[in-house]
C-alpha atoms as a PDB file:
ATOM      1  CA  MET A   1      -6.732   2.468   5.995  1.00  0.00           C
ATOM      2  CA  ASN A   2      -3.820   0.158   6.626  1.00  0.00           C
ATOM      3  CA  ASP A   3      -1.025   2.624   6.018  1.00  0.00           C
ATOM      4  CA  LYS A   4      -0.157   4.726   9.095  1.00  0.00           C
ATOM      5  CA  ARG A   5       0.687   7.669   6.868  1.00  0.00           C
ATOM      6  CA  GLU A   6      -2.879   7.713   5.539  1.00  0.00           C
ATOM      7  CA  ARG A   7      -4.198   8.163   9.083  1.00  0.00           C
ATOM      8  CA  THR A   8      -2.130  11.304   9.578  1.00  0.00           C
ATOM      9  CA  GLN A   9      -3.055  13.041   6.336  1.00  0.00           C
ATOM     10  CA  ASP A  10      -5.666  15.774   6.400  1.00  0.00           C
ATOM     11  CA  GLY A  11      -5.463  16.189  10.174  1.00  0.00           C
ATOM     12  CA  GLY A  12      -6.027  12.538  11.090  1.00  0.00           C
ATOM     13  CA  GLY A  13      -3.877  10.683  13.601  1.00  0.00           C
ATOM     14  CA  ASP A  14      -1.852  12.293  16.335  1.00  0.00           C
ATOM     15  CA  TRP A  15       1.644  13.752  16.299  1.00  0.00           C
ATOM     16  CA  ASN A  16       2.843  11.713  19.305  1.00  0.00           C
ATOM     17  CA  THR A  17       2.144   8.404  17.551  1.00  0.00           C
ATOM     18  CA  LEU A  18       3.533   9.650  14.244  1.00  0.00           C
ATOM     19  CA  PHE A  19       6.732  10.908  15.915  1.00  0.00           C
ATOM     20  CA  ARG A  20       7.208   7.601  17.718  1.00  0.00           C
ATOM     21  CA  ASP A  21       6.604   5.661  14.494  1.00  0.00           C
ATOM     22  CA  ILE A  22       9.357   7.674  12.806  1.00  0.00           C
ATOM     23  CA  LEU A  23      11.772   7.191  15.719  1.00  0.00           C
ATOM     24  CA  ASN A  24      11.027   3.468  15.905  1.00  0.00           C
ATOM     25  CA  ASP A  25      12.395   3.192  12.392  1.00  0.00           C
ATOM     26  CA  ALA A  26      16.209   2.805  12.318  1.00  0.00           C
ATOM     27  CA  TRP A  27      16.583   5.551   9.718  1.00  0.00           C
ATOM     28  CA  GLY A  28      14.471   7.987  11.734  1.00  0.00           C
ATOM     29  CA  ARG A  29      16.156   7.123  15.018  1.00  0.00           C
ATOM     30  CA  ASP A  30      19.635   7.674  13.528  1.00  0.00           C
ATOM     31  CA  SER A  31      18.714  10.773  11.521  1.00  0.00           C
ATOM     32  CA  ILE A  32      16.951  12.820  14.197  1.00  0.00           C
ATOM     33  CA  ASP A  33      18.963  14.267  17.088  1.00  0.00           C
ATOM     34  CA  ILE A  34      16.451  16.796  18.371  1.00  0.00           C
ATOM     35  CA  VAL A  35      12.686  16.329  18.634  1.00  0.00           C
ATOM     36  CA  ALA A  36      10.721  19.539  18.310  1.00  0.00           C
ATOM     37  CA  ILE A  37       7.243  21.026  18.183  1.00  0.00           C
ATOM     38  CA  ASP A  38       5.511  24.163  16.982  1.00  0.00           C
ATOM     39  CA  HIS A  39       2.921  25.114  19.601  1.00  0.00           C
ATOM     40  CA  TYR A  40       0.603  28.127  19.773  1.00  0.00           C
ATOM     41  CA  PRO A  41      -1.792  27.612  22.699  1.00  0.00           C
ATOM     42  CA  GLY A  42      -4.691  30.043  22.605  1.00  0.00           C
ATOM     43  CA  THR A  43      -3.825  31.616  19.273  1.00  0.00           C
ATOM     44  CA  TRP A  44      -6.684  30.276  17.223  1.00  0.00           C
ATOM     45  CA  CYS A  45      -9.494  30.912  19.692  1.00  0.00           C
ATOM     46  CA  CYS A  46     -10.357  33.205  22.494  1.00  0.00           C
ATOM     47  CA  GLY A  47     -10.282  32.393  26.184  1.00  0.00           C
ATOM     48  CA  SER A  48      -7.731  29.630  25.914  1.00  0.00           C
ATOM     49  CA  ASN A  49      -5.258  28.634  28.582  1.00  0.00           C
ATOM     50  CA  TYR A  50      -1.891  30.020  27.499  1.00  0.00           C
ATOM     51  CA  ARG A  51      -0.218  27.777  30.067  1.00  0.00           C
ATOM     52  CA  ASP A  52      -1.464  24.697  28.213  1.00  0.00           C
ATOM     53  CA  TRP A  53       1.907  23.178  27.405  1.00  0.00           C
ATOM     54  CA  ALA A  54       0.946  19.522  27.822  1.00  0.00           C
ATOM     55  CA  ALA A  55       2.505  19.121  24.361  1.00  0.00           C
ATOM     56  CA  LEU A  56       5.885  19.866  25.968  1.00  0.00           C
ATOM     57  CA  ASP A  57       5.304  17.087  28.508  1.00  0.00           C
ATOM     58  CA  THR A  58       4.522  14.731  25.624  1.00  0.00           C
ATOM     59  CA  LEU A  59       7.664  15.884  23.820  1.00  0.00           C
ATOM     60  CA  LEU A  60       9.740  15.201  26.948  1.00  0.00           C
ATOM     61  CA  GLY A  61       8.318  11.680  27.048  1.00  0.00           C
ATOM     62  CA  ILE A  62       9.402  11.145  23.451  1.00  0.00           C
ATOM     63  CA  ALA A  63      12.840  12.645  24.126  1.00  0.00           C
ATOM     64  CA  ARG A  64      13.360  10.417  27.158  1.00  0.00           C
ATOM     65  CA  ASP A  65      12.142   7.268  25.406  1.00  0.00           C
ATOM     66  CA  TYR A  66      14.436   7.786  22.420  1.00  0.00           C
ATOM     67  CA  GLY A  67      17.438   9.567  23.970  1.00  0.00           C
ATOM     68  CA  LYS A  68      16.876  12.873  22.156  1.00  0.00           C
ATOM     69  CA  GLU A  69      17.104  16.536  23.092  1.00  0.00           C
ATOM     70  CA  MET A  70      14.136  18.895  22.642  1.00  0.00           C
ATOM     71  CA  ALA A  71      13.244  22.226  21.062  1.00  0.00           C
ATOM     72  CA  ILE A  72      10.229  24.444  20.521  1.00  0.00           C
ATOM     73  CA  MET A  73      10.854  25.566  16.967  1.00  0.00           C
ATOM     74  CA  GLU A  74       7.937  28.000  16.871  1.00  0.00           C
ATOM     75  CA  THR A  75       5.604  29.628  19.317  1.00  0.00           C
ATOM     76  CA  GLY A  76       3.882  32.961  19.277  1.00  0.00           C
ATOM     77  CA  PHE A  77       0.612  34.801  19.360  1.00  0.00           C
ATOM     78  CA  SER A  78      -1.131  36.942  16.783  1.00  0.00           C
ATOM     79  CA  SER A  79      -2.222  40.381  17.945  1.00  0.00           C
ATOM     80  CA  TRP A  80      -4.832  40.661  15.220  1.00  0.00           C
ATOM     81  CA  THR A  81      -7.760  42.692  16.521  1.00  0.00           C
ATOM     82  CA  TRP A  82     -10.411  40.016  16.974  1.00  0.00           C
ATOM     83  CA  PRO A  83     -10.715  37.871  18.994  1.00  0.00           C
ATOM     84  CA  ASN A  84      -7.226  38.748  20.255  1.00  0.00           C
ATOM     85  CA  GLY A  85      -5.257  41.977  20.509  1.00  0.00           C
ATOM     86  CA  GLN A  86      -1.960  43.281  21.858  1.00  0.00           C
ATOM     87  CA  GLN A  87      -3.110  42.866  25.469  1.00  0.00           C
ATOM     88  CA  ASP A  88      -3.763  39.178  24.774  1.00  0.00           C
ATOM     89  CA  GLN A  89      -0.342  38.807  23.135  1.00  0.00           C
ATOM     90  CA  GLU A  90       1.233  40.364  26.243  1.00  0.00           C
ATOM     91  CA  ARG A  91      -0.685  37.963  28.481  1.00  0.00           C
ATOM     92  CA  PHE A  92       0.380  35.049  26.265  1.00  0.00           C
ATOM     93  CA  VAL A  93       4.038  36.058  26.584  1.00  0.00           C
ATOM     94  CA  ASN A  94       3.874  36.250  30.372  1.00  0.00           C
ATOM     95  CA  GLU A  95       1.879  33.065  30.886  1.00  0.00           C
ATOM     96  CA  ALA A  96       3.108  30.813  28.080  1.00  0.00           C
ATOM     97  CA  MET A  97       6.784  31.766  28.296  1.00  0.00           C
ATOM     98  CA  ASP A  98       6.723  31.429  32.087  1.00  0.00           C
ATOM     99  CA  GLU A  99       5.257  27.939  31.703  1.00  0.00           C
ATOM    100  CA  VAL A 100       7.867  26.980  29.090  1.00  0.00           C
ATOM    101  CA  TRP A 101      10.644  28.354  31.312  1.00  0.00           C
ATOM    102  CA  SER A 102       9.349  26.366  34.296  1.00  0.00           C
ATOM    103  CA  LYS A 103       8.886  23.108  32.368  1.00  0.00           C
ATOM    104  CA  GLY A 104      12.205  23.554  30.561  1.00  0.00           C
ATOM    105  CA  THR A 105      14.107  24.290  33.758  1.00  0.00           C
ATOM    106  CA  ASN A 106      12.647  21.204  35.434  1.00  0.00           C
ATOM    107  CA  ALA A 107      13.337  18.997  32.405  1.00  0.00           C
ATOM    108  CA  ASN A 108      16.909  20.267  32.067  1.00  0.00           C
ATOM    109  CA  ARG A 109      17.590  19.685  35.753  1.00  0.00           C
ATOM    110  CA  ASN A 110      15.936  16.267  36.000  1.00  0.00           C
ATOM    111  CA  TYR A 111      16.776  14.923  32.529  1.00  0.00           C
ATOM    112  CA  PRO A 112      19.971  16.655  31.354  1.00  0.00           C
ATOM    113  CA  LEU A 113      20.378  14.258  28.427  1.00  0.00           C
ATOM    114  CA  ASN A 114      16.959  15.346  27.140  1.00  0.00           C
ATOM    115  CA  SER A 115      17.354  19.104  27.628  1.00  0.00           C
ATOM    116  CA  LEU A 116      15.113  21.739  26.110  1.00  0.00           C
ATOM    117  CA  LEU A 117      17.718  23.475  23.940  1.00  0.00           C
ATOM    118  CA  LEU A 118      15.788  26.368  22.465  1.00  0.00           C
ATOM    119  CA  THR A 119      12.479  28.119  22.108  1.00  0.00           C
ATOM    120  CA  SER A 120      11.946  30.277  19.040  1.00  0.00           C
ATOM    121  CA  TRP A 121       9.445  33.142  18.854  1.00  0.00           C
ATOM    122  CA  TYR A 122       7.488  33.426  15.611  1.00  0.00           C
ATOM    123  CA  GLU A 123       8.057  36.207  14.463  1.00  0.00           C
ATOM    124  CA  LEU A 124      10.054  39.394  15.091  1.00  0.00           C
ATOM    125  CA  VAL A 125       8.142  41.849  12.883  1.00  0.00           C
ATOM    126  CA  ASP A 126       4.516  41.706  11.735  1.00  0.00           C
ATOM    127  CA  ALA A 127       4.258  40.765   8.076  1.00  0.00           C
ATOM    128  CA  CYS A 128       1.772  43.618   7.638  1.00  0.00           C
ATOM    129  CA  SER A 129       0.538  45.498  10.707  1.00  0.00           C
ATOM    130  CA  GLY A 130      -1.918  47.524   8.626  1.00  0.00           C
ATOM    131  CA  CYS A 131      -3.497  44.508   6.954  1.00  0.00           C
ATOM    132  CA  ALA A 132      -6.953  43.755   8.251  1.00  0.00           C
ATOM    133  CA  PHE A 133      -8.693  40.402   8.301  1.00  0.00           C
ATOM    134  CA  ASP A 134      -5.567  38.241   8.316  1.00  0.00           C
ATOM    135  CA  ILE A 135      -4.429  36.728  11.589  1.00  0.00           C
ATOM    136  CA  GLU A 136      -1.191  35.476   9.966  1.00  0.00           C
ATOM    137  CA  GLN A 137       0.049  39.040   9.351  1.00  0.00           C
ATOM    138  CA  HIS A 138       0.195  39.975  13.074  1.00  0.00           C
ATOM    139  CA  PHE A 139       2.488  37.494  14.869  1.00  0.00           C
ATOM    140  CA  GLY A 140       5.395  39.933  15.263  1.00  0.00           C
ATOM    141  CA  ILE A 141       6.564  41.420  18.526  1.00  0.00           C
ATOM    142  CA  LEU A 142       7.232  44.621  16.525  1.00  0.00           C
ATOM    143  CA  THR A 143       4.861  46.379  14.142  1.00  0.00           C
ATOM    144  CA  SER A 144       5.804  46.600  10.469  1.00  0.00           C
ATOM    145  CA  THR A 145       4.762  50.241  10.298  1.00  0.00           C
ATOM    146  CA  ALA A 146       7.845  52.455   9.845  1.00  0.00           C
ATOM    147  CA  PRO A 147       9.558  53.130  12.104  1.00  0.00           C
ATOM    148  CA  TRP A 148       9.105  49.734  13.676  1.00  0.00           C
ATOM    149  CA  GLY A 149       7.116  50.118  16.828  1.00  0.00           C
ATOM    150  CA  VAL A 150       7.223  47.828  19.798  1.00  0.00           C
ATOM    151  CA  LYS A 151       4.044  46.067  20.797  1.00  0.00           C
ATOM    152  CA  LEU A 152       2.864  45.830  24.392  1.00  0.00           C
ATOM    153  CA  ALA A 153       4.484  42.388  24.767  1.00  0.00           C
ATOM    154  CA  PHE A 154       7.964  43.454  23.587  1.00  0.00           C
ATOM    155  CA  ASP A 155       9.473  44.231  27.008  1.00  0.00           C
ATOM    156  CA  ASP A 156       7.691  41.238  28.533  1.00  0.00           C
ATOM    157  CA  LEU A 157       9.241  38.903  25.951  1.00  0.00           C
ATOM    158  CA  ARG A 158      12.668  40.456  26.531  1.00  0.00           C
ATOM    159  CA  TYR A 159      12.255  39.800  30.269  1.00  0.00           C
ATOM    160  CA  GLN A 160      11.035  36.220  29.778  1.00  0.00           C
ATOM    161  CA  VAL A 161      13.853  35.347  27.372  1.00  0.00           C
ATOM    162  CA  GLY A 162      16.380  36.955  29.730  1.00  0.00           C
ATOM    163  CA  ARG A 163      15.397  34.486  32.455  1.00  0.00           C
ATOM    164  CA  TRP A 164      16.668  31.570  30.346  1.00  0.00           C
ATOM    165  CA  THR A 165      20.317  32.565  30.298  1.00  0.00           C
END
C-alpha cells in the first residue's frame, strides 16, 4: 500500500497522521480553520476511563503545530441498558465533561490562539427510548417518551456546561 489514503480505509492508519497529512497540504491548510474530533470515551465498552481525553491533547498538538483553533464536535454516552445505563451516563457527564473543561481551560489560557471553541453533546433527545437492543437510540439527555423526561445526567450536564461560560 503506497497510497496513504489506503492505509486509513477500513479502520487502518491513525487520525493524527491523517489530519497532519491533510494540513501539510496547501489546500487543506488554507481550507481548515478549526480542527475537531468526535470522542466518546467509555461508550462502547464497560469499565472505561471517562476521563480518557488524550485525544484532546493530540488535537491541541495539531492545533498548535498548524495555527488552528479546536472543537469537540460530538461527545456523549448511550444510556442503553447493558453494559451501560443512566447511572453510567451521569458518571460520564461528571467525569468526562470535567476533564474537557479542565483541559480546555488550560489550553485556552496557555494557547489562546489555539482555543477550544466548543464542545457539542450528542444528542438532546433519545432517538427511541423504548427501543431495545440498539445502543444508538439512547444517546439523548432526555427520553423520547412523551412527555420528554429528563435522564439522571440532565442536571449534571446543565451544571457542567454552565461552568464554561
